[in-house]
Amino acid sequence: GSVVTWGNPNYGGDSSQVQHQLKNVQQISGTYGAFAAILADGTVVTWGDPRCGGDSSRVRDQLRNVQQISGTGSAFAAILA
């Protein structure tokens, strides 16, 4: 499905920067200030405060075949297939 966000833009309430990537979303998980969405192809899109996991660029290459994501206050963990 698609995603609609609202609330404080500094903490994930504004997903406009990644909206074009948020297609065929299967699951969303959140931390205190960020969101992570698993897409149908098993990749992940993140947005929100980088200090809370909103920037996944360092692990982007590892985020393939993701089955589930869980978030704490300021970090995410992903289960891969």
PDB file of N, CA and C in Angstrom:
ATOM      1  N   GLY A   1       0.811  -1.186   0.000  1.00  0.00           N
ATOM      2  CA  GLY A   1       0.000   0.000   0.000  1.00  0.00           C
ATOM      3  C   GLY A   1       0.856   1.251   0.000  1.00  0.00           C
ATOM      4  N   SER A   2       0.208   2.370   0.107  1.00  0.00           N
ATOM      5  CA  SER A   2       0.879   3.665   0.165  1.00  0.00           C
ATOM      6  C   SER A   2       0.901   4.153   1.610  1.00  0.00           C
ATOM      7  N   VAL A   3       1.561   5.286   1.843  1.00  0.00           N
ATOM      8  CA  VAL A   3       1.762   5.796   3.196  1.00  0.00           C
ATOM      9  C   VAL A   3       1.335   7.247   3.291  1.00  0.00           C
ATOM     10  N   VAL A   4       0.649   7.587   4.381  1.00  0.00           N
ATOM     11  CA  VAL A   4       0.323   8.967   4.724  1.00  0.00           C
ATOM     12  C   VAL A   4       0.921   9.241   6.094  1.00  0.00           C
ATOM     13  N   THR A   5       1.647  10.343   6.230  1.00  0.00           N
ATOM     14  CA  THR A   5       2.243  10.706   7.515  1.00  0.00           C
ATOM     15  C   THR A   5       1.765  12.087   7.934  1.00  0.00           C
ATOM     16  N   TRP A   6       1.802  12.322   9.246  1.00  0.00           N
ATOM     17  CA  TRP A   6       1.434  13.625   9.781  1.00  0.00           C
ATOM     18  C   TRP A   6       2.099  13.785  11.138  1.00  0.00           C
ATOM     19  N   GLY A   7       2.098  15.015  11.636  1.00  0.00           N
ATOM     20  CA  GLY A   7       2.729  15.309  12.923  1.00  0.00           C
ATOM     21  C   GLY A   7       4.014  16.079  12.733  1.00  0.00           C
ATOM     22  N   ASN A   8       4.841  16.070  13.746  1.00  0.00           N
ATOM     23  CA  ASN A   8       6.089  16.833  13.743  1.00  0.00           C
ATOM     24  C   ASN A   8       6.989  16.382  12.590  1.00  0.00           C
ATOM     25  N   PRO A   9       7.296  17.284  11.656  1.00  0.00           N
ATOM     26  CA  PRO A   9       8.115  16.908  10.502  1.00  0.00           C
ATOM     27  C   PRO A   9       9.539  16.500  10.866  1.00  0.00           C
ATOM     28  N   ASN A  10      10.034  16.966  12.003  1.00  0.00           N
ATOM     29  CA  ASN A  10      11.389  16.605  12.424  1.00  0.00           C
ATOM     30  C   ASN A  10      11.487  15.164  12.917  1.00  0.00           C
ATOM     31  N   TYR A  11      10.344  14.566  13.201  1.00  0.00           N
ATOM     32  CA  TYR A  11      10.313  13.215  13.769  1.00  0.00           C
ATOM     33  C   TYR A  11       9.521  12.239  12.910  1.00  0.00           C
ATOM     34  N   GLY A  12       9.561  12.443  11.606  1.00  0.00           N
ATOM     35  CA  GLY A  12       8.926  11.508  10.695  1.00  0.00           C
ATOM     36  C   GLY A  12       7.555  11.903  10.204  1.00  0.00           C
ATOM     37  N   GLY A  13       7.031  13.007  10.685  1.00  0.00           N
ATOM     38  CA  GLY A  13       5.697  13.428  10.281  1.00  0.00           C
ATOM     39  C   GLY A  13       5.598  13.928   8.855  1.00  0.00           C
ATOM     40  N   ASP A  14       6.737  14.170   8.232  1.00  0.00           N
ATOM     41  CA  ASP A  14       6.786  14.599   6.831  1.00  0.00           C
ATOM     42  C   ASP A  14       7.605  13.581   6.039  1.00  0.00           C
ATOM     43  N   SER A  15       6.918  12.815   5.204  1.00  0.00           N
ATOM     44  CA  SER A  15       7.595  11.787   4.395  1.00  0.00           C
ATOM     45  C   SER A  15       7.750  12.207   2.940  1.00  0.00           C
ATOM     46  N   SER A  16       7.587  13.502   2.659  1.00  0.00           N
ATOM     47  CA  SER A  16       7.598  13.965   1.266  1.00  0.00           C
ATOM     48  C   SER A  16       8.920  13.657   0.553  1.00  0.00           C
ATOM     49  N   GLN A  17      10.030  13.643   1.285  1.00  0.00           N
ATOM     50  CA  GLN A  17      11.326  13.379   0.658  1.00  0.00           C
ATOM     51  C   GLN A  17      11.459  11.952   0.138  1.00  0.00           C
ATOM     52  N   VAL A  18      10.691  11.037   0.712  1.00  0.00           N
ATOM     53  CA  VAL A  18      10.774   9.624   0.302  1.00  0.00           C
ATOM     54  C   VAL A  18       9.450   9.104  -0.258  1.00  0.00           C
ATOM     55  N   GLN A  19       8.470   9.976  -0.400  1.00  0.00           N
ATOM     56  CA  GLN A  19       7.133   9.541  -0.817  1.00  0.00           C
ATOM     57  C   GLN A  19       7.165   8.768  -2.130  1.00  0.00           C
ATOM     58  N   HIS A  20       8.034   9.165  -3.040  1.00  0.00           N
ATOM     59  CA  HIS A  20       8.127   8.473  -4.333  1.00  0.00           C
ATOM     60  C   HIS A  20       8.628   7.043  -4.187  1.00  0.00           C
ATOM     61  N   GLN A  21       9.287   6.738  -3.070  1.00  0.00           N
ATOM     62  CA  GLN A  21       9.781   5.374  -2.815  1.00  0.00           C
ATOM     63  C   GLN A  21       8.765   4.522  -2.063  1.00  0.00           C
ATOM     64  N   LEU A  22       7.790   5.159  -1.468  1.00  0.00           N
ATOM     65  CA  LEU A  22       6.848   4.438  -0.606  1.00  0.00           C
ATOM     66  C   LEU A  22       5.699   3.832  -1.408  1.00  0.00           C
ATOM     67  N   LYS A  23       6.028   2.829  -2.184  1.00  0.00           N
ATOM     68  CA  LYS A  23       5.054   2.087  -2.990  1.00  0.00           C
ATOM     69  C   LYS A  23       5.079   0.630  -2.544  1.00  0.00           C
ATOM     70  N   ASN A  24       3.934   0.003  -2.542  1.00  0.00           N
ATOM     71  CA  ASN A  24       3.833  -1.413  -2.147  1.00  0.00           C
ATOM     72  C   ASN A  24       4.408  -1.662  -0.750  1.00  0.00           C
ATOM     73  N   VAL A  25       4.064  -0.780   0.180  1.00  0.00           N
ATOM     74  CA  VAL A  25       4.542  -0.908   1.559  1.00  0.00           C
ATOM     75  C   VAL A  25       3.809  -2.050   2.251  1.00  0.00           C
ATOM     76  N   GLN A  26       4.577  -2.913   2.916  1.00  0.00           N
ATOM     77  CA  GLN A  26       4.023  -4.071   3.609  1.00  0.00           C
ATOM     78  C   GLN A  26       3.931  -3.861   5.119  1.00  0.00           C
ATOM     79  N   GLN A  27       4.879  -3.096   5.676  1.00  0.00           N
ATOM     80  CA  GLN A  27       4.930  -2.919   7.126  1.00  0.00           C
ATOM     81  C   GLN A  27       5.672  -1.630   7.444  1.00  0.00           C
ATOM     82  N   ILE A  28       5.267  -0.972   8.537  1.00  0.00           N
ATOM     83  CA  ILE A  28       5.963   0.214   9.029  1.00  0.00           C
ATOM     84  C   ILE A  28       6.293   0.004  10.502  1.00  0.00           C
ATOM     85  N   SER A  29       7.496   0.401  10.874  1.00  0.00           N
ATOM     86  CA  SER A  29       7.916   0.371  12.268  1.00  0.00           C
ATOM     87  C   SER A  29       8.465   1.747  12.616  1.00  0.00           C
ATOM     88  N   GLY A  30       8.362   2.118  13.882  1.00  0.00           N
ATOM     89  CA  GLY A  30       8.828   3.433  14.283  1.00  0.00           C
ATOM     90  C   GLY A  30       9.714   3.413  15.507  1.00  0.00           C
ATOM     91  N   THR A  31      10.558   4.428  15.585  1.00  0.00           N
ATOM     92  CA  THR A  31      11.321   4.726  16.798  1.00  0.00           C
ATOM     93  C   THR A  31      10.740   6.017  17.363  1.00  0.00           C
ATOM     94  N   TYR A  32      11.436   6.624  18.302  1.00  0.00           N
ATOM     95  CA  TYR A  32      10.968   7.886  18.867  1.00  0.00           C
ATOM     96  C   TYR A  32      10.816   8.963  17.795  1.00  0.00           C
ATOM     97  N   GLY A  33      11.716   8.965  16.793  1.00  0.00           N
ATOM     98  CA  GLY A  33      11.699  10.056  15.830  1.00  0.00           C
ATOM     99  C   GLY A  33      11.859   9.667  14.387  1.00  0.00           C
ATOM    100  N   ALA A  34      11.655   8.398  14.045  1.00  0.00           N
ATOM    101  CA  ALA A  34      11.844   7.971  12.656  1.00  0.00           C
ATOM    102  C   ALA A  34      10.944   6.778  12.345  1.00  0.00           C
ATOM    103  N   PHE A  35      10.784   6.535  11.052  1.00  0.00           N
ATOM    104  CA  PHE A  35      10.013   5.390  10.577  1.00  0.00           C
ATOM    105  C   PHE A  35      10.846   4.570   9.607  1.00  0.00           C
ATOM    106  N   ALA A  36      10.531   3.292   9.530  1.00  0.00           N
ATOM    107  CA  ALA A  36      11.121   2.393   8.542  1.00  0.00           C
ATOM    108  C   ALA A  36       9.985   1.605   7.911  1.00  0.00           C
ATOM    109  N   ALA A  37       9.952   1.574   6.591  1.00  0.00           N
ATOM    110  CA  ALA A  37       8.923   0.846   5.866  1.00  0.00           C
ATOM    111  C   ALA A  37       9.553  -0.287   5.066  1.00  0.00           C
ATOM    112  N   ILE A  38       8.966  -1.466   5.178  1.00  0.00           N
ATOM    113  CA  ILE A  38       9.396  -2.596   4.361  1.00  0.00           C
ATOM    114  C   ILE A  38       8.525  -2.620   3.113  1.00  0.00           C
ATOM    115  N   LEU A  39       9.175  -2.667   1.963  1.00  0.00           N
ATOM    116  CA  LEU A  39       8.460  -2.726   0.690  1.00  0.00           C
ATOM    117  C   LEU A  39       8.274  -4.182   0.264  1.00  0.00           C
ATOM    118  N   ALA A  40       7.399  -4.380  -0.700  1.00  0.00           N
ATOM    119  CA  ALA A  40       7.077  -5.728  -1.167  1.00  0.00           C
ATOM    120  C   ALA A  40       8.294  -6.475  -1.692  1.00  0.00           C
ATOM    121  N   ASP A  41       9.282  -5.746  -2.195  1.00  0.00           N
ATOM    122  CA  ASP A  41      10.484  -6.406  -2.722  1.00  0.00           C
ATOM    123  C   ASP A  41      11.527  -6.702  -1.645  1.00  0.00           C
ATOM    124  N   GLY A  42      11.188  -6.436  -0.382  1.00  0.00           N
ATOM    125  CA  GLY A  42      12.091  -6.732   0.723  1.00  0.00           C
ATOM    126  C   GLY A  42      13.098  -5.660   1.037  1.00  0.00           C
ATOM    127  N   THR A  43      13.024  -4.525   0.369  1.00  0.00           N
ATOM    128  CA  THR A  43      13.900  -3.402   0.681  1.00  0.00           C
ATOM    129  C   THR A  43      13.230  -2.510   1.721  1.00  0.00           C
ATOM    130  N   VAL A  44      13.998  -1.550   2.231  1.00  0.00           N
ATOM    131  CA  VAL A  44      13.526  -0.700   3.320  1.00  0.00           C
ATOM    132  C   VAL A  44      13.716   0.763   2.969  1.00  0.00           C
ATOM    133  N   VAL A  45      12.735   1.569   3.325  1.00  0.00           N
ATOM    134  CA  VAL A  45      12.808   3.023   3.194  1.00  0.00           C
ATOM    135  C   VAL A  45      12.695   3.609   4.598  1.00  0.00           C
ATOM    136  N   THR A  46      13.606   4.516   4.950  1.00  0.00           N
ATOM    137  CA  THR A  46      13.545   5.172   6.258  1.00  0.00           C
ATOM    138  C   THR A  46      13.452   6.677   6.089  1.00  0.00           C
ATOM    139  N   TRP A  47      12.860   7.325   7.076  1.00  0.00           N
ATOM    140  CA  TRP A  47      12.777   8.781   7.088  1.00  0.00           C
ATOM    141  C   TRP A  47      12.568   9.249   8.517  1.00  0.00           C
ATOM    142  N   GLY A  48      12.838  10.536   8.731  1.00  0.00           N
ATOM    143  CA  GLY A  48      12.730  11.118  10.059  1.00  0.00           C
ATOM    144  C   GLY A  48      14.097  11.519  10.576  1.00  0.00           C
ATOM    145  N   ASP A  49      14.196  11.683  11.883  1.00  0.00           N
ATOM    146  CA  ASP A  49      15.431  12.140  12.526  1.00  0.00           C
ATOM    147  C   ASP A  49      16.539  11.102  12.330  1.00  0.00           C
ATOM    148  N   PRO A  50      17.656  11.495  11.710  1.00  0.00           N
ATOM    149  CA  PRO A  50      18.765  10.555  11.502  1.00  0.00           C
ATOM    150  C   PRO A  50      19.310   9.972  12.806  1.00  0.00           C
ATOM    151  N   ARG A  51      19.221  10.725  13.888  1.00  0.00           N
ATOM    152  CA  ARG A  51      19.709  10.238  15.184  1.00  0.00           C
ATOM    153  C   ARG A  51      18.811   9.144  15.755  1.00  0.00           C
ATOM    154  N   CYS A  52      17.643   8.997  15.166  1.00  0.00           N
ATOM    155  CA  CYS A  52      16.678   7.995  15.634  1.00  0.00           C
ATOM    156  C   CYS A  52      16.463   6.892  14.599  1.00  0.00           C
ATOM    157  N   GLY A  53      17.390   6.770  13.646  1.00  0.00           N
ATOM    158  CA  GLY A  53      17.287   5.722  12.644  1.00  0.00           C
ATOM    159  C   GLY A  53      16.708   6.154  11.318  1.00  0.00           C
ATOM    160  N   GLY A  54      16.474   7.445  11.147  1.00  0.00           N
ATOM    161  CA  GLY A  54      15.864   7.933   9.924  1.00  0.00           C
ATOM    162  C   GLY A  54      16.756   7.920   8.698  1.00  0.00           C
ATOM    163  N   ASP A  55      18.046   7.705   8.902  1.00  0.00           N
ATOM    164  CA  ASP A  55      18.994   7.613   7.788  1.00  0.00           C
ATOM    165  C   ASP A  55      19.620   6.217   7.796  1.00  0.00           C
ATOM    166  N   SER A  56      19.218   5.378   6.861  1.00  0.00           N
ATOM    167  CA  SER A  56      19.726   4.002   6.794  1.00  0.00           C
ATOM    168  C   SER A  56      20.771   3.825   5.699  1.00  0.00           C
ATOM    169  N   SER A  57      21.325   4.926   5.211  1.00  0.00           N
ATOM    170  CA  SER A  57      22.239   4.844   4.068  1.00  0.00           C
ATOM    171  C   SER A  57      23.470   3.978   4.349  1.00  0.00           C
ATOM    172  N   ARG A  58      23.940   3.931   5.579  1.00  0.00           N
ATOM    173  CA  ARG A  58      25.130   3.137   5.910  1.00  0.00           C
ATOM    174  C   ARG A  58      24.888   1.631   5.793  1.00  0.00           C
ATOM    175  N   VAL A  59      23.640   1.219   5.923  1.00  0.00           N
ATOM    176  CA  VAL A  59      23.325  -0.221   5.869  1.00  0.00           C
ATOM    177  C   VAL A  59      22.412  -0.562   4.694  1.00  0.00           C
ATOM    178  N   ARG A  60      22.214   0.394   3.802  1.00  0.00           N
ATOM    179  CA  ARG A  60      21.277   0.184   2.684  1.00  0.00           C
ATOM    180  C   ARG A  60      21.575  -1.091   1.905  1.00  0.00           C
ATOM    181  N   ASP A  61      22.839  -1.366   1.647  1.00  0.00           N
ATOM    182  CA  ASP A  61      23.203  -2.557   0.877  1.00  0.00           C
ATOM    183  C   ASP A  61      22.867  -3.852   1.612  1.00  0.00           C
ATOM    184  N   GLN A  62      22.777  -3.795   2.921  1.00  0.00           N
ATOM    185  CA  GLN A  62      22.443  -4.980   3.709  1.00  0.00           C
ATOM    186  C   GLN A  62      20.938  -5.189   3.851  1.00  0.00           C
ATOM    187  N   LEU A  63      20.182  -4.140   3.605  1.00  0.00           N
ATOM    188  CA  LEU A  63      18.736  -4.218   3.810  1.00  0.00           C
ATOM    189  C   LEU A  63      18.038  -4.793   2.578  1.00  0.00           C
ATOM    190  N   ARG A  64      18.278  -6.069   2.355  1.00  0.00           N
ATOM    191  CA  ARG A  64      17.652  -6.818   1.260  1.00  0.00           C
ATOM    192  C   ARG A  64      16.945  -8.019   1.854  1.00  0.00           C
ATOM    193  N   ASN A  65      15.838  -8.406   1.269  1.00  0.00           N
ATOM    194  CA  ASN A  65      15.069  -9.556   1.756  1.00  0.00           C
ATOM    195  C   ASN A  65      14.688  -9.401   3.225  1.00  0.00           C
ATOM    196  N   VAL A  66      14.299  -8.180   3.587  1.00  0.00           N
ATOM    197  CA  VAL A  66      13.901  -7.899   4.971  1.00  0.00           C
ATOM    198  C   VAL A  66      12.512  -8.479   5.217  1.00  0.00           C
ATOM    199  N   GLN A  67      12.383  -9.203   6.316  1.00  0.00           N
ATOM    200  CA  GLN A  67      11.104  -9.811   6.678  1.00  0.00           C
ATOM    201  C   GLN A  67      10.379  -9.028   7.757  1.00  0.00           C
ATOM    202  N   GLN A  68      11.148  -8.453   8.682  1.00  0.00           N
ATOM    203  CA  GLN A  68      10.537  -7.737   9.802  1.00  0.00           C
ATOM    204  C   GLN A  68      11.516  -6.711  10.341  1.00  0.00           C
ATOM    205  N   ILE A  69      10.979  -5.602  10.843  1.00  0.00           N
ATOM    206  CA  ILE A  69      11.792  -4.565  11.480  1.00  0.00           C
ATOM    207  C   ILE A  69      11.174  -4.236  12.824  1.00  0.00           C
ATOM    208  N   SER A  70      12.034  -4.017  13.803  1.00  0.00           N
ATOM    209  CA  SER A  70      11.585  -3.586  15.118  1.00  0.00           C
ATOM    210  C   SER A  70      12.382  -2.358  15.516  1.00  0.00           C
ATOM    211  N   GLY A  71      11.734  -1.436  16.205  1.00  0.00           N
ATOM    212  CA  GLY A  71      12.396  -0.210  16.624  1.00  0.00           C
ATOM    213  C   GLY A  71      12.386  -0.034  18.126  1.00  0.00           C
ATOM    214  N   THR A  72      13.455   0.580  18.648  1.00  0.00           N
ATOM    215  CA  THR A  72      13.524   0.984  20.051  1.00  0.00           C
ATOM    216  C   THR A  72      13.385   2.493  20.089  1.00  0.00           C
ATOM    217  N   GLY A  73      13.884   3.127  21.118  1.00  0.00           N
ATOM    218  CA  GLY A  73      13.806   4.578  21.193  1.00  0.00           C
ATOM    219  C   GLY A  73      14.494   5.274  20.041  1.00  0.00           C
ATOM    220  N   SER A  74      15.661   4.772  19.661  1.00  0.00           N
ATOM    221  CA  SER A  74      16.418   5.473  18.620  1.00  0.00           C
ATOM    222  C   SER A  74      17.209   4.549  17.704  1.00  0.00           C
ATOM    223  N   ALA A  75      16.782   3.303  17.553  1.00  0.00           N
ATOM    224  CA  ALA A  75      17.475   2.378  16.664  1.00  0.00           C
ATOM    225  C   ALA A  75      16.503   1.344  16.104  1.00  0.00           C
ATOM    226  N   PHE A  76      16.882   0.790  14.962  1.00  0.00           N
ATOM    227  CA  PHE A  76      16.102  -0.274  14.326  1.00  0.00           C
ATOM    228  C   PHE A  76      16.946  -1.544  14.233  1.00  0.00           C
ATOM    229  N   ALA A  77      16.276  -2.677  14.173  1.00  0.00           N
ATOM    230  CA  ALA A  77      16.904  -3.952  13.875  1.00  0.00           C
ATOM    231  C   ALA A  77      16.011  -4.654  12.848  1.00  0.00           C
ATOM    232  N   ALA A  78      16.632  -5.327  11.877  1.00  0.00           N
ATOM    233  CA  ALA A  78      15.877  -5.989  10.822  1.00  0.00           C
ATOM    234  C   ALA A  78      16.176  -7.480  10.797  1.00  0.00           C
ATOM    235  N   ILE A  79      15.126  -8.267  10.572  1.00  0.00           N
ATOM    236  CA  ILE A  79      15.292  -9.705  10.338  1.00  0.00           C
ATOM    237  C   ILE A  79      15.320  -9.904   8.829  1.00  0.00           C
ATOM    238  N   LEU A  80      16.384 -10.543   8.360  1.00  0.00           N
ATOM    239  CA  LEU A  80      16.532 -10.832   6.938  1.00  0.00           C
ATOM    240  C   LEU A  80      16.128 -12.270   6.648  1.00  0.00           C
ATOM    241  N   ALA A  81      15.716 -12.529   5.418  1.00  0.00           N
ATOM    242  CA  ALA A  81      15.341 -13.888   5.023  1.00  0.00           C
ATOM    243  C   ALA A  81      16.560 -14.772   4.927  1.00  0.00           C
TER     244      ALA A  81
END
